[in-house]
Amino acid sequence: MAAVVNVKCPKCNEENVATHGRTEKGVQRYRCKNNGCPMNTFLLNYTNKGYEPGMDEKIVKMAANASGIRDTARVLGVSKQKVQDTLKKKRRQ
C-alpha cells in the first residue's frame, strides 16, 4: 500500500503540482504547474531554513520592528549572513 501525500504550492496554494526530479541529497523536488505562479520548484521540507518560502519577508519584517541582525538570525534559525544578504538585497530594490 502506497502513502499518498497532498502537495500544495507554497506561493499560490495550487494542488496542480508535479514531481520534478530530486536534489543532490535525494530529496523529492516539486514543480507548480500553474502558469501564473512565480514559484518554479520547491521542496516539502527544507533542510536549510534560509531557503524556506517567506523567510525573506520575515527577515524584513523583523528589521522593520527594530530587531538586530543577531537577534533575527537566532529567532528565525538562519545564519547572520543570510539576514545581512537579505537586507542588502531589499535595500537595493
N, C-alpha and C. Protein backbone atom coordinates (compact mmCIF):
# COMPACT_ATOMS: atom_id res chain seq x y z
N MET A 1 0.84 -1.17 0.00
CA MET A 1 0.00 0.00 0.00
C MET A 1 0.89 1.24 0.00
N ALA A 2 0.66 2.13 -0.92
CA ALA A 2 1.47 3.35 -1.05
C ALA A 2 0.83 4.49 -0.26
N ALA A 3 1.68 5.32 0.28
CA ALA A 3 1.20 6.50 1.01
C ALA A 3 0.97 7.63 0.02
N VAL A 4 -0.11 8.36 0.20
CA VAL A 4 -0.43 9.49 -0.67
C VAL A 4 -0.21 10.78 0.11
N VAL A 5 0.53 11.70 -0.50
CA VAL A 5 0.81 12.98 0.14
C VAL A 5 0.19 14.08 -0.72
N ASN A 6 -0.70 14.88 -0.14
CA ASN A 6 -1.27 16.01 -0.85
C ASN A 6 -0.26 17.14 -0.82
N VAL A 7 0.18 17.58 -1.99
CA VAL A 7 1.20 18.62 -2.09
C VAL A 7 0.56 19.87 -2.66
N LYS A 8 0.79 21.00 -1.99
CA LYS A 8 0.30 22.29 -2.47
C LYS A 8 1.49 23.21 -2.68
N CYS A 9 1.38 24.07 -3.66
CA CYS A 9 2.41 25.07 -3.91
C CYS A 9 2.42 26.08 -2.76
N PRO A 10 3.59 26.40 -2.19
CA PRO A 10 3.63 27.34 -1.07
C PRO A 10 3.29 28.78 -1.45
N LYS A 11 3.37 29.14 -2.73
CA LYS A 11 3.06 30.51 -3.15
C LYS A 11 1.59 30.70 -3.48
N CYS A 12 1.03 29.81 -4.32
CA CYS A 12 -0.34 30.02 -4.80
C CYS A 12 -1.35 29.02 -4.22
N ASN A 13 -0.91 28.08 -3.39
CA ASN A 13 -1.76 27.04 -2.80
C ASN A 13 -2.48 26.18 -3.83
N GLU A 14 -1.93 26.10 -5.01
CA GLU A 14 -2.50 25.28 -6.08
C GLU A 14 -2.11 23.82 -5.84
N GLU A 15 -3.04 22.90 -6.05
CA GLU A 15 -2.74 21.47 -5.89
C GLU A 15 -2.27 20.85 -7.19
N ASN A 16 -2.21 21.61 -8.26
CA ASN A 16 -1.76 21.12 -9.55
C ASN A 16 -0.23 21.15 -9.57
N VAL A 17 0.37 20.13 -8.96
CA VAL A 17 1.81 20.06 -8.76
C VAL A 17 2.33 18.75 -9.32
N ALA A 18 3.52 18.79 -9.91
CA ALA A 18 4.14 17.58 -10.46
C ALA A 18 5.51 17.38 -9.83
N THR A 19 5.94 16.12 -9.79
CA THR A 19 7.30 15.86 -9.31
C THR A 19 8.28 16.41 -10.34
N HIS A 20 9.43 16.83 -9.86
CA HIS A 20 10.40 17.48 -10.76
C HIS A 20 11.82 17.04 -10.39
N GLY A 21 12.02 15.73 -10.30
CA GLY A 21 13.35 15.20 -10.02
C GLY A 21 13.67 15.22 -8.54
N ARG A 22 14.95 15.04 -8.26
CA ARG A 22 15.42 15.01 -6.87
C ARG A 22 16.63 15.92 -6.71
N THR A 23 16.87 16.35 -5.47
CA THR A 23 18.03 17.18 -5.18
C THR A 23 19.27 16.30 -5.12
N GLU A 24 20.42 16.93 -4.90
CA GLU A 24 21.67 16.17 -4.78
C GLU A 24 21.63 15.22 -3.60
N LYS A 25 20.88 15.58 -2.56
CA LYS A 25 20.76 14.73 -1.37
C LYS A 25 19.66 13.69 -1.49
N GLY A 26 18.96 13.67 -2.62
CA GLY A 26 17.93 12.66 -2.85
C GLY A 26 16.55 13.04 -2.39
N VAL A 27 16.32 14.30 -2.06
CA VAL A 27 15.01 14.76 -1.60
C VAL A 27 14.15 15.10 -2.82
N GLN A 28 12.88 14.68 -2.78
CA GLN A 28 11.96 14.92 -3.90
C GLN A 28 11.72 16.40 -4.11
N ARG A 29 11.81 16.86 -5.36
CA ARG A 29 11.56 18.24 -5.74
C ARG A 29 10.22 18.28 -6.48
N TYR A 30 9.46 19.36 -6.29
CA TYR A 30 8.16 19.52 -6.93
C TYR A 30 8.12 20.80 -7.75
N ARG A 31 7.20 20.83 -8.73
CA ARG A 31 7.05 21.99 -9.60
C ARG A 31 5.57 22.33 -9.71
N CYS A 32 5.27 23.62 -9.54
CA CYS A 32 3.89 24.10 -9.67
C CYS A 32 3.55 24.21 -11.15
N LYS A 33 2.40 23.69 -11.54
CA LYS A 33 2.00 23.71 -12.95
C LYS A 33 1.10 24.91 -13.30
N ASN A 34 0.87 25.78 -12.31
CA ASN A 34 0.10 27.00 -12.54
C ASN A 34 1.00 27.98 -13.29
N ASN A 35 0.59 28.41 -14.46
CA ASN A 35 1.42 29.29 -15.29
C ASN A 35 1.67 30.66 -14.65
N GLY A 36 0.76 31.16 -13.86
CA GLY A 36 0.91 32.47 -13.25
C GLY A 36 1.69 32.46 -11.94
N CYS A 37 2.11 31.31 -11.49
CA CYS A 37 2.79 31.20 -10.20
C CYS A 37 4.28 31.52 -10.35
N PRO A 38 4.84 32.36 -9.46
CA PRO A 38 6.26 32.71 -9.55
C PRO A 38 7.18 31.61 -9.02
N MET A 39 6.62 30.58 -8.40
CA MET A 39 7.43 29.51 -7.79
C MET A 39 7.77 28.47 -8.85
N ASN A 40 9.06 28.32 -9.16
CA ASN A 40 9.46 27.32 -10.14
C ASN A 40 9.44 25.93 -9.52
N THR A 41 10.37 25.67 -8.62
CA THR A 41 10.41 24.39 -7.95
C THR A 41 10.47 24.61 -6.44
N PHE A 42 10.06 23.61 -5.69
CA PHE A 42 10.08 23.71 -4.24
C PHE A 42 10.18 22.32 -3.63
N LEU A 43 10.53 22.28 -2.34
CA LEU A 43 10.60 21.05 -1.57
C LEU A 43 9.53 21.09 -0.49
N LEU A 44 9.15 19.94 0.02
CA LEU A 44 8.19 19.91 1.11
C LEU A 44 8.86 20.32 2.42
N ASN A 45 10.04 19.79 2.68
CA ASN A 45 10.77 20.09 3.91
C ASN A 45 12.18 20.53 3.55
N TYR A 46 12.51 21.76 3.86
CA TYR A 46 13.83 22.29 3.57
C TYR A 46 14.78 21.95 4.72
N THR A 47 15.98 21.50 4.39
CA THR A 47 16.98 21.24 5.43
C THR A 47 17.63 22.55 5.86
N ASN A 48 17.73 23.51 4.96
CA ASN A 48 18.29 24.82 5.27
C ASN A 48 17.12 25.80 5.40
N LYS A 49 16.88 26.30 6.60
CA LYS A 49 15.73 27.17 6.84
C LYS A 49 15.79 28.48 6.05
N GLY A 50 16.98 28.89 5.62
CA GLY A 50 17.12 30.11 4.86
C GLY A 50 16.45 30.07 3.49
N TYR A 51 16.22 28.88 2.97
CA TYR A 51 15.59 28.71 1.66
C TYR A 51 14.08 28.57 1.73
N GLU A 52 13.52 28.50 2.92
CA GLU A 52 12.07 28.32 3.05
C GLU A 52 11.33 29.51 2.43
N PRO A 53 10.21 29.24 1.76
CA PRO A 53 9.42 30.33 1.20
C PRO A 53 8.94 31.27 2.30
N GLY A 54 9.05 32.57 2.06
CA GLY A 54 8.59 33.56 3.01
C GLY A 54 9.63 33.99 4.03
N MET A 55 10.81 33.39 4.01
CA MET A 55 11.83 33.72 5.00
C MET A 55 12.33 35.16 4.81
N ASP A 56 12.49 35.59 3.56
CA ASP A 56 12.95 36.96 3.31
C ASP A 56 11.97 37.99 3.88
N GLU A 57 10.68 37.72 3.74
CA GLU A 57 9.67 38.64 4.26
C GLU A 57 9.72 38.71 5.78
N LYS A 58 9.97 37.56 6.42
CA LYS A 58 10.07 37.54 7.89
C LYS A 58 11.27 38.35 8.35
N ILE A 59 12.39 38.23 7.63
CA ILE A 59 13.61 38.96 7.99
C ILE A 59 13.37 40.47 7.88
N VAL A 60 12.76 40.90 6.79
CA VAL A 60 12.50 42.32 6.58
C VAL A 60 11.52 42.84 7.63
N LYS A 61 10.52 42.04 7.97
CA LYS A 61 9.54 42.45 8.98
C LYS A 61 10.20 42.64 10.35
N MET A 62 11.09 41.73 10.70
CA MET A 62 11.78 41.87 11.99
C MET A 62 12.70 43.09 11.99
N ALA A 63 13.35 43.37 10.87
CA ALA A 63 14.22 44.54 10.78
C ALA A 63 13.39 45.82 10.91
N ALA A 64 12.20 45.81 10.34
CA ALA A 64 11.33 46.98 10.44
C ALA A 64 10.86 47.21 11.87
N ASN A 65 10.85 46.15 12.67
CA ASN A 65 10.46 46.26 14.08
C ASN A 65 11.66 46.40 15.00
N ALA A 66 12.77 46.87 14.45
CA ALA A 66 13.99 47.21 15.20
C ALA A 66 14.69 46.02 15.82
N SER A 67 14.59 44.85 15.22
CA SER A 67 15.37 43.70 15.69
C SER A 67 16.73 43.74 15.02
N GLY A 68 17.75 43.43 15.76
CA GLY A 68 19.11 43.41 15.23
C GLY A 68 19.37 42.17 14.39
N ILE A 69 20.52 42.16 13.73
CA ILE A 69 20.87 41.05 12.86
C ILE A 69 21.02 39.75 13.65
N ARG A 70 21.76 39.81 14.76
CA ARG A 70 21.97 38.60 15.55
C ARG A 70 20.67 38.09 16.16
N ASP A 71 19.83 39.01 16.62
CA ASP A 71 18.54 38.63 17.20
C ASP A 71 17.65 37.96 16.15
N THR A 72 17.60 38.55 14.97
CA THR A 72 16.79 38.00 13.89
C THR A 72 17.28 36.61 13.51
N ALA A 73 18.59 36.45 13.37
CA ALA A 73 19.16 35.15 12.99
C ALA A 73 18.84 34.09 14.04
N ARG A 74 18.95 34.45 15.30
CA ARG A 74 18.69 33.49 16.38
C ARG A 74 17.22 33.09 16.42
N VAL A 75 16.32 34.05 16.31
CA VAL A 75 14.89 33.77 16.40
C VAL A 75 14.40 32.93 15.22
N LEU A 76 14.85 33.25 14.01
CA LEU A 76 14.38 32.55 12.82
C LEU A 76 15.17 31.28 12.52
N GLY A 77 16.31 31.11 13.17
CA GLY A 77 17.10 29.90 12.96
C GLY A 77 17.88 29.90 11.65
N VAL A 78 18.28 31.09 11.21
CA VAL A 78 19.08 31.21 9.99
C VAL A 78 20.43 31.84 10.36
N SER A 79 21.32 31.89 9.39
CA SER A 79 22.64 32.47 9.67
C SER A 79 22.58 34.00 9.64
N LYS A 80 23.56 34.61 10.30
CA LYS A 80 23.66 36.07 10.28
C LYS A 80 23.91 36.56 8.86
N GLN A 81 24.67 35.78 8.09
CA GLN A 81 24.97 36.15 6.71
C GLN A 81 23.71 36.19 5.86
N LYS A 82 22.78 35.24 6.08
CA LYS A 82 21.51 35.23 5.35
C LYS A 82 20.72 36.50 5.65
N VAL A 83 20.70 36.92 6.92
CA VAL A 83 19.99 38.13 7.31
C VAL A 83 20.62 39.35 6.64
N GLN A 84 21.94 39.45 6.69
CA GLN A 84 22.63 40.58 6.07
C GLN A 84 22.39 40.62 4.56
N ASP A 85 22.52 39.49 3.90
CA ASP A 85 22.32 39.43 2.44
C ASP A 85 20.90 39.83 2.06
N THR A 86 19.92 39.37 2.83
CA THR A 86 18.52 39.70 2.54
C THR A 86 18.27 41.20 2.70
N LEU A 87 18.81 41.79 3.77
CA LEU A 87 18.58 43.22 4.00
C LEU A 87 19.30 44.07 2.96
N LYS A 88 20.50 43.64 2.53
CA LYS A 88 21.21 44.38 1.47
C LYS A 88 20.44 44.30 0.16
N LYS A 89 19.90 43.11 -0.14
CA LYS A 89 19.14 42.92 -1.38
C LYS A 89 17.88 43.77 -1.38
N LYS A 90 17.21 43.86 -0.24
CA LYS A 90 15.98 44.65 -0.15
C LYS A 90 16.28 46.14 -0.22
N ARG A 91 17.43 46.56 0.31
CA ARG A 91 17.78 47.97 0.29
C ARG A 91 18.03 48.44 -1.15
N ARG A 92 18.59 47.57 -1.99
CA ARG A 92 18.86 47.93 -3.39
C ARG A 92 17.60 48.07 -4.21
N GLN A 93 16.52 47.45 -3.79
CA GLN A 93 15.29 47.47 -4.60
C GLN A 93 14.52 48.74 -4.41
